[in-house]
Amino acid sequence: MDPSPVLLHVLAAPVAIALLVLSFLVCRAFVGPDEFRLDMVNMTLVYWTIAILIPIHEFVHAISTPSWGMSDRTVVGFWPRKVLPYAIYTDALTRTQIIWFIVMPFLTLTVLPAIGMCILELDTPILYYCILINAGLSGGDIVQVPVFLSQVPRHAIIRNRGFESYWKA
């Protein structure tokens, strides 16, 4: 059911690029093309934002599990050989809970800040970087949504064992 880590990276790359471009265009449309240009990118700030956002992204996954991630069933880590940070919940979840678990970092670290930036008319480079970088980091998550929606019945219970998911209707 789950794509292998290698296949996940292959599938996630174009999705991450699409999310990044879409987020860039949305930010640029609301802030204005003169205020949000690629030639103004500070690569040092990009690298620091990536380093800081990856653990925050996984933490958001973790707190979207039952008991707000405070259960011994919630595991956050990094698989160096596959270059794969992860957060998993080892007990049973419903399909809806899994979908929320998957999309929560994208919603809370990309969509909500973009909406807030537009409503509050904020113009800060660090906010742009956070929105765009998290959009890119969410590619692997978003790839999994159609997998669960298409392969798992609506009322099924899903359980993770390592990096494999199993469901039971």
C-alpha atoms as a PDB file:
ATOM      1  CA  MET A   1       0.000   0.000   0.000  1.00  0.00           C
ATOM      2  CA  ASP A   2       2.661   2.561   0.975  1.00  0.00           C
ATOM      3  CA  PRO A   3       5.229   3.614  -1.608  1.00  0.00           C
ATOM      4  CA  SER A   4       8.785   2.594  -0.730  1.00  0.00           C
ATOM      5  CA  PRO A   5      11.022   5.391   0.605  1.00  0.00           C
ATOM      6  CA  VAL A   6      12.783   5.636  -2.777  1.00  0.00           C
ATOM      7  CA  LEU A   7       9.503   5.748  -4.715  1.00  0.00           C
ATOM      8  CA  LEU A   8       8.155   8.263  -2.203  1.00  0.00           C
ATOM      9  CA  HIS A   9      11.106  10.576  -2.964  1.00  0.00           C
ATOM     10  CA  VAL A  10      10.589  10.136  -6.725  1.00  0.00           C
ATOM     11  CA  LEU A  11       6.866  10.874  -6.506  1.00  0.00           C
ATOM     12  CA  ALA A  12       7.321  13.676  -3.978  1.00  0.00           C
ATOM     13  CA  ALA A  13       9.797  15.709  -6.044  1.00  0.00           C
ATOM     14  CA  PRO A  14       7.368  16.939  -8.743  1.00  0.00           C
ATOM     15  CA  VAL A  15       4.611  17.427  -6.148  1.00  0.00           C
ATOM     16  CA  ALA A  16       7.001  19.439  -3.955  1.00  0.00           C
ATOM     17  CA  ILE A  17       7.996  21.595  -6.930  1.00  0.00           C
ATOM     18  CA  ALA A  18       4.333  22.148  -7.847  1.00  0.00           C
ATOM     19  CA  LEU A  19       3.460  23.110  -4.243  1.00  0.00           C
ATOM     20  CA  LEU A  20       6.465  25.407  -4.101  1.00  0.00           C
ATOM     21  CA  VAL A  21       5.558  27.149  -7.368  1.00  0.00           C
ATOM     22  CA  LEU A  22       1.895  27.438  -6.374  1.00  0.00           C
ATOM     23  CA  SER A  23       2.824  28.896  -2.972  1.00  0.00           C
ATOM     24  CA  PHE A  24       5.254  31.300  -4.635  1.00  0.00           C
ATOM     25  CA  LEU A  25       2.574  32.500  -7.057  1.00  0.00           C
ATOM     26  CA  VAL A  26       0.009  32.915  -4.271  1.00  0.00           C
ATOM     27  CA  CYS A  27       2.421  34.889  -2.080  1.00  0.00           C
ATOM     28  CA  ARG A  28       3.510  37.002  -5.015  1.00  0.00           C
ATOM     29  CA  ALA A  29      -0.095  37.712  -6.031  1.00  0.00           C
ATOM     30  CA  PHE A  30      -1.045  38.928  -2.573  1.00  0.00           C
ATOM     31  CA  VAL A  31       2.111  40.804  -1.714  1.00  0.00           C
ATOM     32  CA  GLY A  32       2.975  42.104  -5.176  1.00  0.00           C
ATOM     33  CA  PRO A  33       5.634  41.138  -7.691  1.00  0.00           C
ATOM     34  CA  ASP A  34       8.019  43.900  -6.624  1.00  0.00           C
ATOM     35  CA  GLU A  35       8.073  42.756  -3.008  1.00  0.00           C
ATOM     36  CA  PHE A  36       8.482  39.030  -3.656  1.00  0.00           C
ATOM     37  CA  ARG A  37      11.180  38.233  -6.192  1.00  0.00           C
ATOM     38  CA  LEU A  38      13.417  35.206  -6.615  1.00  0.00           C
ATOM     39  CA  ASP A  39      16.490  37.364  -7.206  1.00  0.00           C
ATOM     40  CA  MET A  40      16.224  38.523  -3.604  1.00  0.00           C
ATOM     41  CA  VAL A  41      16.666  35.028  -2.134  1.00  0.00           C
ATOM     42  CA  ASN A  42      19.095  34.807   0.773  1.00  0.00           C
ATOM     43  CA  MET A  43      20.478  31.247   0.571  1.00  0.00           C
ATOM     44  CA  THR A  44      21.863  31.326   4.113  1.00  0.00           C
ATOM     45  CA  LEU A  45      18.381  32.120   5.381  1.00  0.00           C
ATOM     46  CA  VAL A  46      16.975  29.342   3.177  1.00  0.00           C
ATOM     47  CA  TYR A  47      19.356  26.749   4.657  1.00  0.00           C
ATOM     48  CA  TRP A  48      18.633  27.824   8.235  1.00  0.00           C
ATOM     49  CA  THR A  49      14.896  27.820   7.569  1.00  0.00           C
ATOM     50  CA  ILE A  50      15.088  24.283   6.169  1.00  0.00           C
ATOM     51  CA  ALA A  51      17.094  23.092   9.180  1.00  0.00           C
ATOM     52  CA  ILE A  52      14.594  24.634  11.587  1.00  0.00           C
ATOM     53  CA  LEU A  53      11.421  23.728   9.682  1.00  0.00           C
ATOM     54  CA  ILE A  54      12.089  19.995   9.267  1.00  0.00           C
ATOM     55  CA  PRO A  55      11.820  19.199  12.999  1.00  0.00           C
ATOM     56  CA  ILE A  56       8.894  21.622  13.377  1.00  0.00           C
ATOM     57  CA  HIS A  57       7.142  19.947  10.421  1.00  0.00           C
ATOM     58  CA  GLU A  58       7.577  16.500  12.013  1.00  0.00           C
ATOM     59  CA  PHE A  59       6.509  17.870  15.404  1.00  0.00           C
ATOM     60  CA  VAL A  60       3.254  19.110  13.828  1.00  0.00           C
ATOM     61  CA  HIS A  61       2.684  15.585  12.500  1.00  0.00           C
ATOM     62  CA  ALA A  62       3.309  14.227  15.993  1.00  0.00           C
ATOM     63  CA  ILE A  63       0.925  16.593  17.776  1.00  0.00           C
ATOM     64  CA  SER A  64      -1.842  15.703  15.334  1.00  0.00           C
ATOM     65  CA  THR A  65      -1.953  12.183  16.782  1.00  0.00           C
ATOM     66  CA  PRO A  66      -4.151  11.136  19.712  1.00  0.00           C
ATOM     67  CA  SER A  67      -2.982  12.590  23.035  1.00  0.00           C
ATOM     68  CA  TRP A  68      -1.332  15.436  21.106  1.00  0.00           C
ATOM     69  CA  GLY A  69       1.754  13.333  20.473  1.00  0.00           C
ATOM     70  CA  MET A  70       2.327  12.648  24.162  1.00  0.00           C
ATOM     71  CA  SER A  71       1.689   8.923  23.754  1.00  0.00           C
ATOM     72  CA  ASP A  72       4.426   6.319  23.703  1.00  0.00           C
ATOM     73  CA  ARG A  73       2.815   5.270  20.404  1.00  0.00           C
ATOM     74  CA  THR A  74       3.991   8.498  18.712  1.00  0.00           C
ATOM     75  CA  VAL A  75       7.489   8.212  17.244  1.00  0.00           C
ATOM     76  CA  VAL A  76       9.504  11.006  15.622  1.00  0.00           C
ATOM     77  CA  GLY A  77      12.881  10.330  14.067  1.00  0.00           C
ATOM     78  CA  PHE A  78      15.206  10.424  11.105  1.00  0.00           C
ATOM     79  CA  TRP A  79      16.235   7.532   8.846  1.00  0.00           C
ATOM     80  CA  PRO A  80      19.708   8.642   7.677  1.00  0.00           C
ATOM     81  CA  ARG A  81      20.229   5.940   5.042  1.00  0.00           C
ATOM     82  CA  LYS A  82      17.028   6.990   3.234  1.00  0.00           C
ATOM     83  CA  VAL A  83      17.373  10.699   4.111  1.00  0.00           C
ATOM     84  CA  LEU A  84      13.871  10.505   5.547  1.00  0.00           C
ATOM     85  CA  PRO A  85      12.617  12.398   8.599  1.00  0.00           C
ATOM     86  CA  TYR A  86       9.450  10.867   9.963  1.00  0.00           C
ATOM     87  CA  ALA A  87       6.691  10.957  12.515  1.00  0.00           C
ATOM     88  CA  ILE A  88       4.505   7.888  12.903  1.00  0.00           C
ATOM     89  CA  TYR A  89       1.799   6.678  15.231  1.00  0.00           C
ATOM     90  CA  THR A  90       2.088   2.961  15.915  1.00  0.00           C
ATOM     91  CA  ASP A  91      -1.455   2.377  17.159  1.00  0.00           C
ATOM     92  CA  ALA A  92      -4.657   2.220  15.112  1.00  0.00           C
ATOM     93  CA  LEU A  93      -6.079   5.357  13.469  1.00  0.00           C
ATOM     94  CA  THR A  94      -9.089   5.924  11.259  1.00  0.00           C
ATOM     95  CA  ARG A  95      -8.622   6.954   7.629  1.00  0.00           C
ATOM     96  CA  THR A  96      -9.754  10.484   8.516  1.00  0.00           C
ATOM     97  CA  GLN A  97      -7.209  10.680  11.346  1.00  0.00           C
ATOM     98  CA  ILE A  98      -4.436   9.519   8.996  1.00  0.00           C
ATOM     99  CA  ILE A  99      -5.389  12.129   6.387  1.00  0.00           C
ATOM    100  CA  TRP A 100      -5.334  14.879   9.042  1.00  0.00           C
ATOM    101  CA  PHE A 101      -2.003  13.541  10.309  1.00  0.00           C
ATOM    102  CA  ILE A 102      -0.607  13.755   6.769  1.00  0.00           C
ATOM    103  CA  VAL A 103      -1.879  17.224   5.799  1.00  0.00           C
ATOM    104  CA  MET A 104      -1.583  19.045   9.139  1.00  0.00           C
ATOM    105  CA  PRO A 105       1.972  20.427   8.578  1.00  0.00           C
ATOM    106  CA  PHE A 106       0.985  21.761   5.153  1.00  0.00           C
ATOM    107  CA  LEU A 107      -2.115  23.409   6.577  1.00  0.00           C
ATOM    108  CA  THR A 108      -0.475  24.869   9.691  1.00  0.00           C
ATOM    109  CA  LEU A 109       2.926  25.833   8.268  1.00  0.00           C
ATOM    110  CA  THR A 110       2.020  26.840   4.704  1.00  0.00           C
ATOM    111  CA  VAL A 111      -1.678  27.592   4.241  1.00  0.00           C
ATOM    112  CA  LEU A 112      -2.426  29.365   7.549  1.00  0.00           C
ATOM    113  CA  PRO A 113       0.709  31.557   7.468  1.00  0.00           C
ATOM    114  CA  ALA A 114      -0.056  32.517   3.852  1.00  0.00           C
ATOM    115  CA  ILE A 115      -3.599  33.499   4.826  1.00  0.00           C
ATOM    116  CA  GLY A 116      -2.282  35.392   7.856  1.00  0.00           C
ATOM    117  CA  MET A 117       0.332  37.152   5.729  1.00  0.00           C
ATOM    118  CA  CYS A 118      -2.382  38.322   3.358  1.00  0.00           C
ATOM    119  CA  ILE A 119      -4.903  39.362   6.011  1.00  0.00           C
ATOM    120  CA  LEU A 120      -2.367  41.146   8.209  1.00  0.00           C
ATOM    121  CA  GLU A 121      -0.431  42.498   5.208  1.00  0.00           C
ATOM    122  CA  LEU A 122       2.841  41.159   6.584  1.00  0.00           C
ATOM    123  CA  ASP A 123       5.911  41.527   4.441  1.00  0.00           C
ATOM    124  CA  THR A 124       8.717  39.589   6.113  1.00  0.00           C
ATOM    125  CA  PRO A 125      11.226  37.452   4.204  1.00  0.00           C
ATOM    126  CA  ILE A 126      11.374  34.787   6.929  1.00  0.00           C
ATOM    127  CA  LEU A 127       7.624  34.247   6.612  1.00  0.00           C
ATOM    128  CA  TYR A 128       7.975  33.843   2.833  1.00  0.00           C
ATOM    129  CA  TYR A 129      10.754  31.323   3.315  1.00  0.00           C
ATOM    130  CA  CYS A 130       8.754  29.350   5.877  1.00  0.00           C
ATOM    131  CA  ILE A 131       5.697  29.221   3.625  1.00  0.00           C
ATOM    132  CA  LEU A 132       7.644  28.201   0.526  1.00  0.00           C
ATOM    133  CA  ILE A 133      10.024  25.760   2.164  1.00  0.00           C
ATOM    134  CA  ASN A 134       7.301  23.970   4.072  1.00  0.00           C
ATOM    135  CA  ALA A 135       5.287  23.728   0.849  1.00  0.00           C
ATOM    136  CA  GLY A 136       8.266  21.918  -0.657  1.00  0.00           C
ATOM    137  CA  LEU A 137       8.756  19.760   2.439  1.00  0.00           C
ATOM    138  CA  SER A 138       5.087  18.720   2.233  1.00  0.00           C
ATOM    139  CA  GLY A 139       5.478  17.034  -1.156  1.00  0.00           C
ATOM    140  CA  GLY A 140       6.032  13.595   0.376  1.00  0.00           C
ATOM    141  CA  ASP A 141       3.031  14.028   2.634  1.00  0.00           C
ATOM    142  CA  ILE A 142       0.670  15.189  -0.083  1.00  0.00           C
ATOM    143  CA  VAL A 143       1.664  12.238  -2.310  1.00  0.00           C
ATOM    144  CA  GLN A 144       0.294   9.893   0.348  1.00  0.00           C
ATOM    145  CA  VAL A 145      -3.184  11.451   0.527  1.00  0.00           C
ATOM    146  CA  PRO A 146      -4.500   9.923  -2.741  1.00  0.00           C
ATOM    147  CA  VAL A 147      -2.961   6.579  -1.743  1.00  0.00           C
ATOM    148  CA  PHE A 148      -5.027   6.439   1.443  1.00  0.00           C
ATOM    149  CA  LEU A 149      -8.147   7.874  -0.181  1.00  0.00           C
ATOM    150  CA  SER A 150      -8.072   5.416  -3.081  1.00  0.00           C
ATOM    151  CA  GLN A 151      -6.908   2.256  -1.316  1.00  0.00           C
ATOM    152  CA  VAL A 152      -8.439   2.410   2.156  1.00  0.00           C
ATOM    153  CA  PRO A 153     -12.207   2.154   2.749  1.00  0.00           C
ATOM    154  CA  ARG A 154     -13.797   5.128   4.509  1.00  0.00           C
ATOM    155  CA  HIS A 155     -14.403   3.385   7.863  1.00  0.00           C
ATOM    156  CA  ALA A 156     -11.255   1.268   7.936  1.00  0.00           C
ATOM    157  CA  ILE A 157      -8.781   1.256  10.788  1.00  0.00           C
ATOM    158  CA  ILE A 158      -5.146   1.805   9.811  1.00  0.00           C
ATOM    159  CA  ARG A 159      -2.079   0.706  11.728  1.00  0.00           C
ATOM    160  CA  ASN A 160       1.568   1.496  11.009  1.00  0.00           C
ATOM    161  CA  ARG A 161       4.312  -1.035  11.539  1.00  0.00           C
ATOM    162  CA  GLY A 162       7.571   0.717  10.850  1.00  0.00           C
ATOM    163  CA  PHE A 163       7.155   2.369   7.460  1.00  0.00           C
ATOM    164  CA  GLU A 164       4.351   0.091   6.308  1.00  0.00           C
ATOM    165  CA  SER A 165       0.631   0.776   6.795  1.00  0.00           C
ATOM    166  CA  TYR A 166      -2.057  -1.882   7.062  1.00  0.00           C
ATOM    167  CA  TRP A 167      -5.786  -1.408   7.161  1.00  0.00           C
ATOM    168  CA  LYS A 168      -8.750  -3.453   8.291  1.00  0.00           C
ATOM    169  CA  ALA A 169     -12.352  -2.675   7.388  1.00  0.00           C
END
